[in-house]
Amino acid sequence: MLRLLSAFCFALVCWSTIGGLAAAEAVDRGPPYSNDGFLSLAPSILPNGFRRILPEWWAKAPEYLKQRVLAAPSRMWWPIVLCNYMGFKPGGTGFESAEACEKSAYDASQRGKNSWSTDGQWVGPSDECVKRDKRSKWGELVCD
């Protein structure tokens, strides 16, 4: 009976350890990423609607876009994908450059972060920010 109980406890410990390893999220070690690394990290980084189509989209994505995404920090993945979708390609100049679009999209996403709590609830801009009334060139309230 003691052997059976110890075997059961051993199996339980092994099962919980393996289950914990499988449930752990992928760790972001920074660029350059592999295809597998991107596909394991992207669901926790990219917007919900995009996560659904990610594997099919990634398989059809052009090679230059894949290389650009894999070489960029994960915080820039969505701006890169978004700007590529809007037609901004690497090598453009001025306002048509992919780099300018990506920087603008990333900066815009960061400006709104202060209006959300850590648990995902909308808190809006602070009273001080509203009083200051500093705006971007598109009329967005800028709280920095």
Protein backbone atom coordinates (compact mmCIF):
# COMPACT_ATOMS: atom_id res chain seq x y z
CA MET A 1 0.00 0.00 0.00
CA LEU A 2 2.86 2.36 0.84
CA ARG A 3 4.44 1.70 -2.57
CA LEU A 4 1.18 2.48 -4.31
CA LEU A 5 0.78 5.72 -2.36
CA SER A 6 4.37 6.81 -3.07
CA ALA A 7 3.98 5.97 -6.78
CA PHE A 8 0.77 8.01 -6.88
CA CYS A 9 2.48 10.99 -5.17
CA PHE A 10 5.42 10.76 -7.58
CA ALA A 11 3.08 10.68 -10.58
CA LEU A 12 1.16 13.66 -9.18
CA VAL A 13 4.36 15.69 -8.75
CA CYS A 14 5.53 14.83 -12.28
CA TRP A 15 2.15 15.68 -13.77
CA SER A 16 1.95 19.07 -12.01
CA THR A 17 5.51 19.94 -13.06
CA ILE A 18 4.92 19.05 -16.70
CA GLY A 19 1.54 20.83 -16.68
CA GLY A 20 3.16 23.95 -15.23
CA LEU A 21 5.84 23.92 -17.92
CA ALA A 22 3.30 23.56 -20.70
CA ALA A 23 1.13 26.38 -19.33
CA ALA A 24 4.04 28.82 -18.98
CA GLU A 25 4.08 31.68 -21.46
CA ALA A 26 6.85 32.04 -23.97
CA VAL A 27 9.69 34.28 -22.84
CA ASP A 28 10.60 37.31 -24.96
CA ARG A 29 14.39 37.24 -25.30
CA GLY A 30 14.48 40.07 -27.84
CA PRO A 31 15.41 40.17 -31.51
CA PRO A 32 16.31 38.47 -33.72
CA TYR A 33 13.37 36.08 -33.46
CA SER A 34 12.77 32.79 -35.21
CA ASN A 35 9.48 31.96 -36.94
CA ASP A 36 8.56 29.66 -34.05
CA GLY A 37 9.55 32.31 -31.50
CA PHE A 38 7.38 34.88 -33.24
CA LEU A 39 4.39 32.55 -33.47
CA SER A 40 4.63 31.63 -29.78
CA LEU A 41 4.97 35.24 -28.57
CA ALA A 42 2.66 37.02 -31.01
CA PRO A 43 -0.68 35.87 -29.52
CA SER A 44 0.14 37.69 -26.26
CA ILE A 45 1.36 40.84 -28.06
CA LEU A 46 -0.82 41.40 -31.14
CA PRO A 47 -4.48 42.55 -30.96
CA ASN A 48 -7.16 39.94 -30.30
CA GLY A 49 -8.75 40.09 -33.74
CA PHE A 50 -5.43 39.50 -35.43
CA ARG A 51 -4.52 36.54 -33.22
CA ARG A 52 -7.25 34.45 -34.83
CA ILE A 53 -5.76 34.69 -38.32
CA LEU A 54 -2.09 34.84 -37.32
CA PRO A 55 -0.87 31.41 -38.52
CA GLU A 56 -2.51 31.73 -41.93
CA TRP A 57 -1.43 35.36 -42.30
CA TRP A 58 2.17 34.60 -41.33
CA ALA A 59 2.37 31.75 -43.86
CA LYS A 60 1.29 34.14 -46.65
CA ALA A 61 3.26 37.22 -45.51
CA PRO A 62 5.95 38.45 -47.93
CA GLU A 63 9.51 37.53 -47.04
CA TYR A 64 10.67 41.17 -46.61
CA LEU A 65 7.90 41.72 -44.03
CA LYS A 66 8.77 38.54 -42.14
CA GLN A 67 12.43 39.56 -41.97
CA ARG A 68 11.48 43.07 -40.81
CA VAL A 69 9.19 41.72 -38.05
CA LEU A 70 11.69 39.10 -36.86
CA ALA A 71 14.45 41.71 -36.61
CA ALA A 72 12.35 44.23 -34.64
CA PRO A 73 11.59 44.39 -30.90
CA SER A 74 8.24 42.78 -30.10
CA ARG A 75 6.69 46.11 -29.07
CA MET A 76 7.07 47.21 -32.74
CA TRP A 77 5.41 44.16 -34.35
CA TRP A 78 1.93 45.63 -34.55
CA PRO A 79 3.04 49.04 -35.92
CA ILE A 80 5.10 47.21 -38.59
CA VAL A 81 2.19 44.98 -39.60
CA LEU A 82 -0.28 47.88 -39.54
CA CYS A 83 1.90 50.21 -41.64
CA ASN A 84 2.62 47.45 -44.14
CA TYR A 85 -1.13 46.85 -44.46
CA MET A 86 -1.63 50.57 -45.13
CA GLY A 87 0.91 50.39 -47.97
CA PHE A 88 4.06 51.80 -46.36
CA LYS A 89 7.03 49.81 -47.61
CA PRO A 90 10.65 49.95 -46.44
CA GLY A 91 12.76 52.31 -48.50
CA GLY A 92 10.17 55.08 -48.78
CA THR A 93 11.12 58.67 -47.99
CA GLY A 94 9.52 61.43 -45.96
CA PHE A 95 5.96 60.82 -44.85
CA GLU A 96 5.81 57.78 -47.14
CA SER A 97 8.53 55.92 -45.23
CA ALA A 98 7.62 52.77 -43.33
CA GLU A 99 9.85 53.87 -40.46
CA ALA A 100 7.98 57.17 -40.03
CA CYS A 101 4.62 55.37 -40.10
CA GLU A 102 5.78 52.77 -37.57
CA LYS A 103 7.15 55.41 -35.19
CA SER A 104 3.94 57.42 -35.45
CA ALA A 105 1.75 54.34 -34.84
CA TYR A 106 3.86 53.25 -31.86
CA ASP A 107 3.88 56.75 -30.34
CA ALA A 108 0.10 57.00 -30.74
CA SER A 109 -0.38 53.67 -28.96
CA GLN A 110 1.83 54.81 -26.09
CA ARG A 111 0.02 58.14 -25.63
CA GLY A 112 -3.22 56.38 -24.79
CA LYS A 113 -1.69 53.99 -22.26
CA ASN A 114 -2.14 56.43 -19.37
CA SER A 115 -5.91 56.37 -19.89
CA TRP A 116 -6.17 52.68 -18.94
CA SER A 117 -5.68 50.95 -15.59
CA THR A 118 -3.49 47.86 -15.30
CA ASP A 119 -6.58 45.63 -15.20
CA GLY A 120 -7.88 47.02 -18.51
CA GLN A 121 -10.44 49.53 -17.24
CA TRP A 122 -10.84 52.93 -18.91
CA VAL A 123 -9.88 55.73 -16.51
CA GLY A 124 -9.52 58.55 -19.02
CA PRO A 125 -6.98 61.35 -18.97
CA SER A 126 -6.20 63.07 -15.68
CA ASP A 127 -7.80 66.42 -14.81
CA GLU A 128 -4.37 68.09 -15.10
CA CYS A 129 -3.97 66.76 -18.64
CA VAL A 130 -7.41 67.94 -19.67
CA LYS A 131 -6.72 71.42 -18.24
CA ARG A 132 -3.35 71.60 -20.00
CA ASP A 133 -5.15 70.79 -23.30
CA LYS A 134 -1.96 69.83 -25.16
CA ARG A 135 -2.89 68.25 -28.49
CA SER A 136 -1.15 66.39 -31.32
CA LYS A 137 -1.32 67.64 -34.88
CA TRP A 138 -4.40 65.41 -35.29
CA GLY A 139 -6.20 66.88 -32.28
CA GLU A 140 -5.51 63.95 -29.91
CA LEU A 141 -5.06 64.89 -26.25
CA VAL A 142 -1.40 64.38 -25.31
CA CYS A 143 -0.73 63.55 -21.65
CA ASP A 144 3.02 63.37 -21.07
